[in-house]
Amino acid sequence: MFALFEKAVLGMASLRILSGSIEILAAIIMLKFNTVEKALIVNSSLALVGPMILIATTTIGLFGIADKISFLKMFWVLLGVGFILYGIRSQ
């Protein structure tokens, strides 16, 4: 069944499934602790997961199309990801 999918697409989708599972687990943990303080701690830890998944899926995707895209276009994509991460980190 998995032979029908391109390896890069399968890797990207797997990371997104993992990310979604972590988000659901975090919501369950928040409900279990039932305090705002602990929910904020759990939510803050998710701030680390999101950018890492974004970088990993983008990297897999770029490696998947590396032979089909020019270096300049790849640069613009990486620059865009960099701006997203900068915007997330800015205060």
PDB file of N, CA and C in Angstrom:
ATOM      1  N   MET A   1       0.815  -1.193   0.000  1.00  0.00           N
ATOM      2  CA  MET A   1       0.000   0.000   0.000  1.00  0.00           C
ATOM      3  C   MET A   1       0.858   1.256   0.000  1.00  0.00           C
ATOM      4  N   PHE A   2       1.930   1.265   0.805  1.00  0.00           N
ATOM      5  CA  PHE A   2       2.772   2.454   0.882  1.00  0.00           C
ATOM      6  C   PHE A   2       3.635   2.632  -0.358  1.00  0.00           C
ATOM      7  N   ALA A   3       3.706   1.634  -1.218  1.00  0.00           N
ATOM      8  CA  ALA A   3       4.482   1.760  -2.445  1.00  0.00           C
ATOM      9  C   ALA A   3       3.827   2.749  -3.407  1.00  0.00           C
ATOM     10  N   LEU A   4       2.569   3.076  -3.182  1.00  0.00           N
ATOM     11  CA  LEU A   4       1.863   4.020  -4.042  1.00  0.00           C
ATOM     12  C   LEU A   4       2.265   5.462  -3.776  1.00  0.00           C
ATOM     13  N   PHE A   5       2.835   5.723  -2.618  1.00  0.00           N
ATOM     14  CA  PHE A   5       3.187   7.082  -2.229  1.00  0.00           C
ATOM     15  C   PHE A   5       4.662   7.354  -2.481  1.00  0.00           C
ATOM     16  N   GLU A   6       4.951   8.573  -2.861  1.00  0.00           N
ATOM     17  CA  GLU A   6       6.333   9.000  -3.003  1.00  0.00           C
ATOM     18  C   GLU A   6       6.956   9.073  -1.612  1.00  0.00           C
ATOM     19  N   LYS A   7       8.234   8.728  -1.502  1.00  0.00           N
ATOM     20  CA  LYS A   7       8.892   8.673  -0.191  1.00  0.00           C
ATOM     21  C   LYS A   7       8.855  10.012   0.536  1.00  0.00           C
ATOM     22  N   ALA A   8       9.090  11.087  -0.188  1.00  0.00           N
ATOM     23  CA  ALA A   8       9.094  12.417   0.450  1.00  0.00           C
ATOM     24  C   ALA A   8       7.705  12.751   0.989  1.00  0.00           C
ATOM     25  N   VAL A   9       6.678  12.454   0.220  1.00  0.00           N
ATOM     26  CA  VAL A   9       5.311  12.734   0.648  1.00  0.00           C
ATOM     27  C   VAL A   9       4.959  11.888   1.866  1.00  0.00           C
ATOM     28  N   LEU A  10       5.351  10.639   1.861  1.00  0.00           N
ATOM     29  CA  LEU A  10       5.085   9.758   2.996  1.00  0.00           C
ATOM     30  C   LEU A  10       5.804  10.254   4.250  1.00  0.00           C
ATOM     31  N   GLY A  11       7.038  10.717   4.098  1.00  0.00           N
ATOM     32  CA  GLY A  11       7.784  11.255   5.232  1.00  0.00           C
ATOM     33  C   GLY A  11       7.147  12.523   5.778  1.00  0.00           C
ATOM     34  N   MET A  12       6.733  13.420   4.889  1.00  0.00           N
ATOM     35  CA  MET A  12       6.104  14.657   5.310  1.00  0.00           C
ATOM     36  C   MET A  12       4.774  14.388   6.017  1.00  0.00           C
ATOM     37  N   ALA A  13       3.976  13.490   5.454  1.00  0.00           N
ATOM     38  CA  ALA A  13       2.690  13.158   6.064  1.00  0.00           C
ATOM     39  C   ALA A  13       2.880  12.480   7.417  1.00  0.00           C
ATOM     40  N   SER A  14       3.890  11.632   7.526  1.00  0.00           N
ATOM     41  CA  SER A  14       4.162  10.961   8.798  1.00  0.00           C
ATOM     42  C   SER A  14       4.526  11.970   9.885  1.00  0.00           C
ATOM     43  N   LEU A  15       5.336  12.953   9.531  1.00  0.00           N
ATOM     44  CA  LEU A  15       5.690  13.988  10.508  1.00  0.00           C
ATOM     45  C   LEU A  15       4.467  14.797  10.931  1.00  0.00           C
ATOM     46  N   ARG A  16       3.575  15.081   9.999  1.00  0.00           N
ATOM     47  CA  ARG A  16       2.366  15.837  10.336  1.00  0.00           C
ATOM     48  C   ARG A  16       1.430  14.996  11.208  1.00  0.00           C
ATOM     49  N   ILE A  17       1.349  13.696  10.967  1.00  0.00           N
ATOM     50  CA  ILE A  17       0.553  12.819  11.827  1.00  0.00           C
ATOM     51  C   ILE A  17       1.155  12.793  13.230  1.00  0.00           C
ATOM     52  N   LEU A  18       2.480  12.706  13.305  1.00  0.00           N
ATOM     53  CA  LEU A  18       3.153  12.739  14.603  1.00  0.00           C
ATOM     54  C   LEU A  18       2.869  14.058  15.317  1.00  0.00           C
ATOM     55  N   SER A  19       2.947  15.162  14.597  1.00  0.00           N
ATOM     56  CA  SER A  19       2.694  16.477  15.174  1.00  0.00           C
ATOM     57  C   SER A  19       1.261  16.582  15.690  1.00  0.00           C
ATOM     58  N   GLY A  20       0.309  16.111  14.919  1.00  0.00           N
ATOM     59  CA  GLY A  20      -1.085  16.138  15.347  1.00  0.00           C
ATOM     60  C   GLY A  20      -1.321  15.268  16.572  1.00  0.00           C
ATOM     61  N   SER A  21      -0.649  14.119  16.611  1.00  0.00           N
ATOM     62  CA  SER A  21      -0.776  13.231  17.772  1.00  0.00           C
ATOM     63  C   SER A  21      -0.211  13.889  19.026  1.00  0.00           C
ATOM     64  N   ILE A  22       0.888  14.595  18.874  1.00  0.00           N
ATOM     65  CA  ILE A  22       1.476  15.313  20.014  1.00  0.00           C
ATOM     66  C   ILE A  22       0.517  16.405  20.490  1.00  0.00           C
ATOM     67  N   GLU A  23      -0.122  17.106  19.564  1.00  0.00           N
ATOM     68  CA  GLU A  23      -1.079  18.156  19.926  1.00  0.00           C
ATOM     69  C   GLU A  23      -2.263  17.570  20.693  1.00  0.00           C
ATOM     70  N   ILE A  24      -2.785  16.446  20.234  1.00  0.00           N
ATOM     71  CA  ILE A  24      -3.911  15.806  20.914  1.00  0.00           C
ATOM     72  C   ILE A  24      -3.491  15.323  22.296  1.00  0.00           C
ATOM     73  N   LEU A  25      -2.309  14.731  22.390  1.00  0.00           N
ATOM     74  CA  LEU A  25      -1.799  14.279  23.685  1.00  0.00           C
ATOM     75  C   LEU A  25      -1.642  15.465  24.649  1.00  0.00           C
ATOM     76  N   ALA A  26      -1.172  16.589  24.130  1.00  0.00           N
ATOM     77  CA  ALA A  26      -1.021  17.780  24.971  1.00  0.00           C
ATOM     78  C   ALA A  26      -2.378  18.252  25.490  1.00  0.00           C
ATOM     79  N   ALA A  27      -3.394  18.205  24.645  1.00  0.00           N
ATOM     80  CA  ALA A  27      -4.737  18.613  25.086  1.00  0.00           C
ATOM     81  C   ALA A  27      -5.249  17.683  26.183  1.00  0.00           C
ATOM     82  N   ILE A  28      -5.002  16.393  26.046  1.00  0.00           N
ATOM     83  CA  ILE A  28      -5.414  15.431  27.072  1.00  0.00           C
ATOM     84  C   ILE A  28      -4.679  15.696  28.383  1.00  0.00           C
ATOM     85  N   ILE A  29      -3.384  15.983  28.284  1.00  0.00           N
ATOM     86  CA  ILE A  29      -2.601  16.283  29.492  1.00  0.00           C
ATOM     87  C   ILE A  29      -3.128  17.550  30.168  1.00  0.00           C
ATOM     88  N   MET A  30      -3.472  18.576  29.374  1.00  0.00           N
ATOM     89  CA  MET A  30      -4.039  19.796  29.951  1.00  0.00           C
ATOM     90  C   MET A  30      -5.325  19.492  30.714  1.00  0.00           C
ATOM     91  N   LEU A  31      -6.177  18.671  30.118  1.00  0.00           N
ATOM     92  CA  LEU A  31      -7.429  18.323  30.785  1.00  0.00           C
ATOM     93  C   LEU A  31      -7.174  17.516  32.057  1.00  0.00           C
ATOM     94  N   LYS A  32      -6.161  16.657  32.019  1.00  0.00           N
ATOM     95  CA  LYS A  32      -5.850  15.830  33.183  1.00  0.00           C
ATOM     96  C   LYS A  32      -5.367  16.689  34.353  1.00  0.00           C
ATOM     97  N   PHE A  33      -4.477  17.647  34.091  1.00  0.00           N
ATOM     98  CA  PHE A  33      -3.952  18.493  35.158  1.00  0.00           C
ATOM     99  C   PHE A  33      -4.988  19.503  35.651  1.00  0.00           C
ATOM    100  N   ASN A  34      -5.810  20.019  34.756  1.00  0.00           N
ATOM    101  CA  ASN A  34      -6.932  20.886  35.096  1.00  0.00           C
ATOM    102  C   ASN A  34      -6.532  22.149  35.863  1.00  0.00           C
ATOM    103  N   THR A  35      -5.340  22.675  35.567  1.00  0.00           N
ATOM    104  CA  THR A  35      -4.949  23.969  36.125  1.00  0.00           C
ATOM    105  C   THR A  35      -4.384  24.825  34.998  1.00  0.00           C
ATOM    106  N   VAL A  36      -4.634  26.111  35.088  1.00  0.00           N
ATOM    107  CA  VAL A  36      -4.187  27.037  34.045  1.00  0.00           C
ATOM    108  C   VAL A  36      -2.662  27.076  33.981  1.00  0.00           C
ATOM    109  N   GLU A  37      -2.016  27.048  35.122  1.00  0.00           N
ATOM    110  CA  GLU A  37      -0.556  27.132  35.160  1.00  0.00           C
ATOM    111  C   GLU A  37       0.083  25.958  34.424  1.00  0.00           C
ATOM    112  N   LYS A  38      -0.388  24.749  34.721  1.00  0.00           N
ATOM    113  CA  LYS A  38       0.192  23.571  34.064  1.00  0.00           C
ATOM    114  C   LYS A  38      -0.195  23.508  32.587  1.00  0.00           C
ATOM    115  N   ALA A  39      -1.389  23.985  32.261  1.00  0.00           N
ATOM    116  CA  ALA A  39      -1.800  24.027  30.860  1.00  0.00           C
ATOM    117  C   ALA A  39      -0.907  24.980  30.067  1.00  0.00           C
ATOM    118  N   LEU A  40      -0.514  26.093  30.685  1.00  0.00           N
ATOM    119  CA  LEU A  40       0.396  27.022  30.015  1.00  0.00           C
ATOM    120  C   LEU A  40       1.773  26.399  29.808  1.00  0.00           C
ATOM    121  N   ILE A  41       2.224  25.617  30.775  1.00  0.00           N
ATOM    122  CA  ILE A  41       3.513  24.935  30.628  1.00  0.00           C
ATOM    123  C   ILE A  41       3.469  23.949  29.468  1.00  0.00           C
ATOM    124  N   VAL A  42       2.382  23.166  29.407  1.00  0.00           N
ATOM    125  CA  VAL A  42       2.233  22.201  28.312  1.00  0.00           C
ATOM    126  C   VAL A  42       2.144  22.935  26.983  1.00  0.00           C
ATOM    127  N   ASN A  43       1.378  24.011  26.946  1.00  0.00           N
ATOM    128  CA  ASN A  43       1.226  24.784  25.716  1.00  0.00           C
ATOM    129  C   ASN A  43       2.554  25.395  25.272  1.00  0.00           C
ATOM    130  N   SER A  44       3.337  25.855  26.222  1.00  0.00           N
ATOM    131  CA  SER A  44       4.645  26.431  25.892  1.00  0.00           C
ATOM    132  C   SER A  44       5.581  25.383  25.312  1.00  0.00           C
ATOM    133  N   SER A  45       5.478  24.165  25.809  1.00  0.00           N
ATOM    134  CA  SER A  45       6.336  23.107  25.261  1.00  0.00           C
ATOM    135  C   SER A  45       5.957  22.783  23.819  1.00  0.00           C
ATOM    136  N   LEU A  46       4.702  23.004  23.454  1.00  0.00           N
ATOM    137  CA  LEU A  46       4.289  22.796  22.065  1.00  0.00           C
ATOM    138  C   LEU A  46       4.906  23.827  21.133  1.00  0.00           C
ATOM    139  N   ALA A  47       5.292  24.965  21.674  1.00  0.00           N
ATOM    140  CA  ALA A  47       5.926  25.995  20.845  1.00  0.00           C
ATOM    141  C   ALA A  47       7.261  25.516  20.291  1.00  0.00           C
ATOM    142  N   LEU A  48       7.861  24.512  20.918  1.00  0.00           N
ATOM    143  CA  LEU A  48       9.101  23.934  20.402  1.00  0.00           C
ATOM    144  C   LEU A  48       8.832  22.925  19.293  1.00  0.00           C
ATOM    145  N   VAL A  49       7.733  22.211  19.419  1.00  0.00           N
ATOM    146  CA  VAL A  49       7.432  21.134  18.467  1.00  0.00           C
ATOM    147  C   VAL A  49       7.051  21.690  17.099  1.00  0.00           C
ATOM    148  N   GLY A  50       6.201  22.721  17.082  1.00  0.00           N
ATOM    149  CA  GLY A  50       5.703  23.265  15.813  1.00  0.00           C
ATOM    150  C   GLY A  50       6.786  23.686  14.838  1.00  0.00           C
ATOM    151  N   PRO A  51       7.713  24.548  15.243  1.00  0.00           N
ATOM    152  CA  PRO A  51       8.768  24.957  14.312  1.00  0.00           C
ATOM    153  C   PRO A  51       9.678  23.807  13.878  1.00  0.00           C
ATOM    154  N   MET A  52       9.922  22.863  14.775  1.00  0.00           N
ATOM    155  CA  MET A  52      10.770  21.727  14.390  1.00  0.00           C
ATOM    156  C   MET A  52      10.090  20.885  13.313  1.00  0.00           C
ATOM    157  N   ILE A  53       8.789  20.664  13.452  1.00  0.00           N
ATOM    158  CA  ILE A  53       8.049  19.915  12.441  1.00  0.00           C
ATOM    159  C   ILE A  53       8.018  20.686  11.129  1.00  0.00           C
ATOM    160  N   LEU A  54       7.819  22.003  11.214  1.00  0.00           N
ATOM    161  CA  LEU A  54       7.820  22.844  10.011  1.00  0.00           C
ATOM    162  C   LEU A  54       9.145  22.734   9.265  1.00  0.00           C
ATOM    163  N   ILE A  55      10.234  22.853   9.978  1.00  0.00           N
ATOM    164  CA  ILE A  55      11.554  22.765   9.346  1.00  0.00           C
ATOM    165  C   ILE A  55      11.779  21.379   8.755  1.00  0.00           C
ATOM    166  N   ALA A  56      11.418  20.349   9.499  1.00  0.00           N
ATOM    167  CA  ALA A  56      11.645  18.976   9.023  1.00  0.00           C
ATOM    168  C   ALA A  56      10.818  18.671   7.778  1.00  0.00           C
ATOM    169  N   THR A  57       9.535  19.033   7.775  1.00  0.00           N
ATOM    170  CA  THR A  57       8.706  18.742   6.599  1.00  0.00           C
ATOM    171  C   THR A  57       9.147  19.565   5.391  1.00  0.00           C
ATOM    172  N   THR A  58       9.533  20.815   5.606  1.00  0.00           N
ATOM    173  CA  THR A  58      10.023  21.631   4.506  1.00  0.00           C
ATOM    174  C   THR A  58      11.317  21.069   3.939  1.00  0.00           C
ATOM    175  N   THR A  59      12.198  20.616   4.816  1.00  0.00           N
ATOM    176  CA  THR A  59      13.461  20.032   4.364  1.00  0.00           C
ATOM    177  C   THR A  59      13.222  18.775   3.542  1.00  0.00           C
ATOM    178  N   ILE A  60      12.343  17.914   4.014  1.00  0.00           N
ATOM    179  CA  ILE A  60      12.025  16.692   3.262  1.00  0.00           C
ATOM    180  C   ILE A  60      11.433  17.056   1.903  1.00  0.00           C
ATOM    181  N   GLY A  61      10.520  18.023   1.902  1.00  0.00           N
ATOM    182  CA  GLY A  61       9.914  18.445   0.643  1.00  0.00           C
ATOM    183  C   GLY A  61      10.922  19.028  -0.330  1.00  0.00           C
ATOM    184  N   LEU A  62      11.840  19.837   0.177  1.00  0.00           N
ATOM    185  CA  LEU A  62      12.857  20.426  -0.699  1.00  0.00           C
ATOM    186  C   LEU A  62      13.806  19.371  -1.254  1.00  0.00           C
ATOM    187  N   PHE A  63      14.172  18.401  -0.421  1.00  0.00           N
ATOM    188  CA  PHE A  63      15.007  17.318  -0.933  1.00  0.00           C
ATOM    189  C   PHE A  63      14.247  16.499  -1.980  1.00  0.00           C
ATOM    190  N   GLY A  64      12.932  16.390  -1.801  1.00  0.00           N
ATOM    191  CA  GLY A  64      12.116  15.645  -2.753  1.00  0.00           C
ATOM    192  C   GLY A  64      12.025  16.305  -4.113  1.00  0.00           C
ATOM    193  N   ILE A  65      12.106  17.638  -4.148  1.00  0.00           N
ATOM    194  CA  ILE A  65      12.002  18.340  -5.435  1.00  0.00           C
ATOM    195  C   ILE A  65      13.310  19.005  -5.840  1.00  0.00           C
ATOM    196  N   ALA A  66      14.394  18.653  -5.179  1.00  0.00           N
ATOM    197  CA  ALA A  66      15.680  19.318  -5.429  1.00  0.00           C
ATOM    198  C   ALA A  66      16.101  19.243  -6.891  1.00  0.00           C
ATOM    199  N   ASP A  67      15.790  18.151  -7.558  1.00  0.00           N
ATOM    200  CA  ASP A  67      16.195  18.026  -8.959  1.00  0.00           C
ATOM    201  C   ASP A  67      15.231  18.743  -9.912  1.00  0.00           C
ATOM    202  N   LYS A  68      14.078  19.181  -9.419  1.00  0.00           N
ATOM    203  CA  LYS A  68      13.073  19.808 -10.273  1.00  0.00           C
ATOM    204  C   LYS A  68      12.968  21.320 -10.084  1.00  0.00           C
ATOM    205  N   ILE A  69      13.681  21.871  -9.115  1.00  0.00           N
ATOM    206  CA  ILE A  69      13.541  23.291  -8.793  1.00  0.00           C
ATOM    207  C   ILE A  69      14.915  23.962  -8.857  1.00  0.00           C
ATOM    208  N   SER A  70      14.920  25.211  -9.276  1.00  0.00           N
ATOM    209  CA  SER A  70      16.188  25.934  -9.384  1.00  0.00           C
ATOM    210  C   SER A  70      16.691  26.323  -7.997  1.00  0.00           C
ATOM    211  N   PHE A  71      17.969  26.599  -7.923  1.00  0.00           N
ATOM    212  CA  PHE A  71      18.575  26.994  -6.647  1.00  0.00           C
ATOM    213  C   PHE A  71      17.952  28.284  -6.132  1.00  0.00           C
ATOM    214  N   LEU A  72      17.661  29.221  -7.028  1.00  0.00           N
ATOM    215  CA  LEU A  72      17.076  30.499  -6.628  1.00  0.00           C
ATOM    216  C   LEU A  72      15.701  30.301  -5.983  1.00  0.00           C
ATOM    217  N   LYS A  73      14.869  29.437  -6.568  1.00  0.00           N
ATOM    218  CA  LYS A  73      13.551  29.180  -5.986  1.00  0.00           C
ATOM    219  C   LYS A  73      13.681  28.477  -4.636  1.00  0.00           C
ATOM    220  N   MET A  74      14.638  27.575  -4.515  1.00  0.00           N
ATOM    221  CA  MET A  74      14.858  26.896  -3.242  1.00  0.00           C
ATOM    222  C   MET A  74      15.298  27.915  -2.180  1.00  0.00           C
ATOM    223  N   PHE A  75      16.124  28.865  -2.584  1.00  0.00           N
ATOM    224  CA  PHE A  75      16.553  29.924  -1.681  1.00  0.00           C
ATOM    225  C   PHE A  75      15.356  30.723  -1.178  1.00  0.00           C
ATOM    226  N   TRP A  76      14.420  31.071  -2.067  1.00  0.00           N
ATOM    227  CA  TRP A  76      13.258  31.862  -1.671  1.00  0.00           C
ATOM    228  C   TRP A  76      12.372  31.089  -0.693  1.00  0.00           C
ATOM    229  N   VAL A  77      12.233  29.796  -0.913  1.00  0.00           N
ATOM    230  CA  VAL A  77      11.440  28.977   0.008  1.00  0.00           C
ATOM    231  C   VAL A  77      12.096  28.953   1.385  1.00  0.00           C
ATOM    232  N   LEU A  78      13.399  28.720   1.420  1.00  0.00           N
ATOM    233  CA  LEU A  78      14.112  28.697   2.703  1.00  0.00           C
ATOM    234  C   LEU A  78      14.071  30.059   3.389  1.00  0.00           C
ATOM    235  N   LEU A  79      14.170  31.124   2.623  1.00  0.00           N
ATOM    236  CA  LEU A  79      14.071  32.465   3.189  1.00  0.00           C
ATOM    237  C   LEU A  79      12.679  32.696   3.786  1.00  0.00           C
ATOM    238  N   GLY A  80      11.655  32.222   3.102  1.00  0.00           N
ATOM    239  CA  GLY A  80      10.289  32.345   3.619  1.00  0.00           C
ATOM    240  C   GLY A  80      10.111  31.594   4.933  1.00  0.00           C
ATOM    241  N   VAL A  81      10.647  30.394   5.016  1.00  0.00           N
ATOM    242  CA  VAL A  81      10.586  29.627   6.261  1.00  0.00           C
ATOM    243  C   VAL A  81      11.341  30.369   7.360  1.00  0.00           C
ATOM    244  N   GLY A  82      12.473  30.946   7.003  1.00  0.00           N
ATOM    245  CA  GLY A  82      13.238  31.720   7.974  1.00  0.00           C
ATOM    246  C   GLY A  82      12.443  32.902   8.501  1.00  0.00           C
ATOM    247  N   PHE A  83      11.715  33.588   7.623  1.00  0.00           N
ATOM    248  CA  PHE A  83      10.883  34.711   8.055  1.00  0.00           C
ATOM    249  C   PHE A  83       9.749  34.249   8.975  1.00  0.00           C
ATOM    250  N   ILE A  84       9.165  33.113   8.660  1.00  0.00           N
ATOM    251  CA  ILE A  84       8.110  32.568   9.524  1.00  0.00           C
ATOM    252  C   ILE A  84       8.669  32.296  10.916  1.00  0.00           C
ATOM    253  N   LEU A  85       9.818  31.656  10.974  1.00  0.00           N
ATOM    254  CA  LEU A  85      10.420  31.349  12.269  1.00  0.00           C
ATOM    255  C   LEU A  85      10.827  32.618  13.007  1.00  0.00           C
ATOM    256  N   TYR A  86      11.321  33.603  12.284  1.00  0.00           N
ATOM    257  CA  TYR A  86      11.676  34.884  12.911  1.00  0.00           C
ATOM    258  C   TYR A  86      10.421  35.552  13.487  1.00  0.00           C
ATOM    259  N   GLY A  87       9.339  35.507  12.733  1.00  0.00           N
ATOM    260  CA  GLY A  87       8.087  36.102  13.203  1.00  0.00           C
ATOM    261  C   GLY A  87       7.535  35.412  14.425  1.00  0.00           C
ATOM    262  N   ILE A  88       7.716  34.132  14.517  1.00  0.00           N
ATOM    263  CA  ILE A  88       7.270  33.381  15.687  1.00  0.00           C
ATOM    264  C   ILE A  88       8.092  33.756  16.901  1.00  0.00           C
ATOM    265  N   ARG A  89       9.384  33.917  16.732  1.00  0.00           N
ATOM    266  CA  ARG A  89      10.291  34.196  17.835  1.00  0.00           C
ATOM    267  C   ARG A  89      10.291  35.653  18.262  1.00  0.00           C
ATOM    268  N   SER A  90       9.875  36.572  17.395  1.00  0.00           N
ATOM    269  CA  SER A  90       9.898  37.993  17.742  1.00  0.00           C
ATOM    270  C   SER A  90       8.919  38.307  18.856  1.00  0.00           C
ATOM    271  N   GLN A  91       9.271  39.320  19.643  1.00  0.00           N
ATOM    272  CA  GLN A  91       8.383  39.684  20.745  1.00  0.00           C
ATOM    273  C   GLN A  91       7.858  41.049  20.571  1.00  0.00           C
TER     274      GLN A  91
END
